[in-house]
Amino acid sequence: MGRAGAAGPPPPPPRRPPPPPPPPPAAPPPPPARGCGGGGPASRRA
Protein backbone atom coordinates (compact mmCIF):
# COMPACT_ATOMS: atom_id res chain seq x y z
CA MET A 1 0.00 0.00 0.00
CA GLY A 2 1.68 3.20 -1.15
CA ARG A 3 1.14 6.58 0.34
CA ALA A 4 -1.89 8.41 -1.03
CA GLY A 5 -0.94 10.84 -3.75
CA ALA A 6 2.58 9.41 -4.16
CA ALA A 7 2.05 8.30 -7.77
CA GLY A 8 -0.08 9.58 -10.62
CA PRO A 9 -1.48 13.03 -11.27
CA PRO A 10 -3.41 14.75 -8.48
CA PRO A 11 -7.13 14.06 -8.49
CA PRO A 12 -9.25 16.68 -10.30
CA PRO A 13 -10.87 19.26 -8.07
CA PRO A 14 -14.39 18.30 -7.02
CA ARG A 15 -17.03 19.80 -9.26
CA ARG A 16 -19.28 22.29 -7.54
CA PRO A 17 -22.87 21.03 -7.42
CA PRO A 18 -25.25 22.94 -9.69
CA PRO A 19 -27.20 25.71 -7.97
CA PRO A 20 -30.59 24.59 -6.65
CA PRO A 21 -33.56 25.48 -8.86
CA PRO A 22 -35.41 28.65 -7.86
CA PRO A 23 -38.38 28.02 -5.57
CA PRO A 24 -41.75 28.03 -7.30
CA PRO A 25 -43.81 31.22 -6.92
CA ALA A 26 -46.03 31.18 -3.86
CA ALA A 27 -49.58 30.25 -4.78
CA PRO A 28 -52.16 32.91 -3.90
CA PRO A 29 -54.17 32.06 -0.79
CA PRO A 30 -57.58 30.55 -1.50
CA PRO A 31 -60.54 32.91 -1.13
CA PRO A 32 -62.21 32.76 2.29
CA ALA A 33 -65.18 30.47 2.60
CA ARG A 34 -68.55 32.12 2.11
CA GLY A 35 -70.11 33.18 5.40
CA CYS A 36 -66.81 32.84 7.27
CA GLY A 37 -65.90 36.53 7.13
CA GLY A 38 -62.31 35.67 6.15
CA GLY A 39 -61.37 34.51 9.63
CA GLY A 40 -61.37 31.39 11.77
CA PRO A 41 -63.40 30.67 14.90
CA ALA A 42 -60.92 32.62 17.02
CA SER A 43 -61.45 35.83 15.03
CA ARG A 44 -65.19 35.28 14.98
CA ARG A 45 -65.28 35.11 18.78
CA ALA A 46 -63.48 38.45 19.18
C-alpha atoms as a PDB file:
ATOM      1  CA  MET A   1       0.000   0.000   0.000  1.00  0.00           C
ATOM      2  CA  GLY A   2       1.683   3.204  -1.155  1.00  0.00           C
ATOM      3  CA  ARG A   3       1.136   6.583   0.343  1.00  0.00           C
ATOM      4  CA  ALA A   4      -1.890   8.407  -1.032  1.00  0.00           C
ATOM      5  CA  GLY A   5      -0.943  10.842  -3.748  1.00  0.00           C
ATOM      6  CA  ALA A   6       2.579   9.410  -4.164  1.00  0.00           C
ATOM      7  CA  ALA A   7       2.053   8.303  -7.771  1.00  0.00           C
ATOM      8  CA  GLY A   8      -0.075   9.582 -10.623  1.00  0.00           C
ATOM      9  CA  PRO A   9      -1.480  13.032 -11.272  1.00  0.00           C
ATOM     10  CA  PRO A  10      -3.406  14.749  -8.483  1.00  0.00           C
ATOM     11  CA  PRO A  11      -7.130  14.056  -8.493  1.00  0.00           C
ATOM     12  CA  PRO A  12      -9.246  16.675 -10.300  1.00  0.00           C
ATOM     13  CA  PRO A  13     -10.866  19.264  -8.066  1.00  0.00           C
ATOM     14  CA  PRO A  14     -14.387  18.299  -7.015  1.00  0.00           C
ATOM     15  CA  ARG A  15     -17.025  19.797  -9.259  1.00  0.00           C
ATOM     16  CA  ARG A  16     -19.281  22.289  -7.540  1.00  0.00           C
ATOM     17  CA  PRO A  17     -22.866  21.025  -7.423  1.00  0.00           C
ATOM     18  CA  PRO A  18     -25.255  22.944  -9.693  1.00  0.00           C
ATOM     19  CA  PRO A  19     -27.205  25.706  -7.968  1.00  0.00           C
ATOM     20  CA  PRO A  20     -30.592  24.592  -6.653  1.00  0.00           C
ATOM     21  CA  PRO A  21     -33.560  25.477  -8.856  1.00  0.00           C
ATOM     22  CA  PRO A  22     -35.406  28.647  -7.861  1.00  0.00           C
ATOM     23  CA  PRO A  23     -38.375  28.022  -5.572  1.00  0.00           C
ATOM     24  CA  PRO A  24     -41.754  28.032  -7.305  1.00  0.00           C
ATOM     25  CA  PRO A  25     -43.807  31.220  -6.920  1.00  0.00           C
ATOM     26  CA  ALA A  26     -46.032  31.176  -3.865  1.00  0.00           C
ATOM     27  CA  ALA A  27     -49.578  30.252  -4.777  1.00  0.00           C
ATOM     28  CA  PRO A  28     -52.157  32.908  -3.904  1.00  0.00           C
ATOM     29  CA  PRO A  29     -54.171  32.057  -0.787  1.00  0.00           C
ATOM     30  CA  PRO A  30     -57.583  30.547  -1.503  1.00  0.00           C
ATOM     31  CA  PRO A  31     -60.538  32.905  -1.129  1.00  0.00           C
ATOM     32  CA  PRO A  32     -62.209  32.760   2.294  1.00  0.00           C
ATOM     33  CA  ALA A  33     -65.175  30.473   2.598  1.00  0.00           C
ATOM     34  CA  ARG A  34     -68.550  32.120   2.108  1.00  0.00           C
ATOM     35  CA  GLY A  35     -70.109  33.181   5.401  1.00  0.00           C
ATOM     36  CA  CYS A  36     -66.805  32.841   7.272  1.00  0.00           C
ATOM     37  CA  GLY A  37     -65.904  36.525   7.135  1.00  0.00           C
ATOM     38  CA  GLY A  38     -62.312  35.674   6.151  1.00  0.00           C
ATOM     39  CA  GLY A  39     -61.369  34.508   9.633  1.00  0.00           C
ATOM     40  CA  GLY A  40     -61.374  31.390  11.767  1.00  0.00           C
ATOM     41  CA  PRO A  41     -63.398  30.668  14.897  1.00  0.00           C
ATOM     42  CA  ALA A  42     -60.922  32.620  17.016  1.00  0.00           C
ATOM     43  CA  SER A  43     -61.450  35.832  15.034  1.00  0.00           C
ATOM     44  CA  ARG A  44     -65.194  35.284  14.977  1.00  0.00           C
ATOM     45  CA  ARG A  45     -65.278  35.106  18.782  1.00  0.00           C
ATOM     46  CA  ALA A  46     -63.478  38.449  19.183  1.00  0.00           C
END
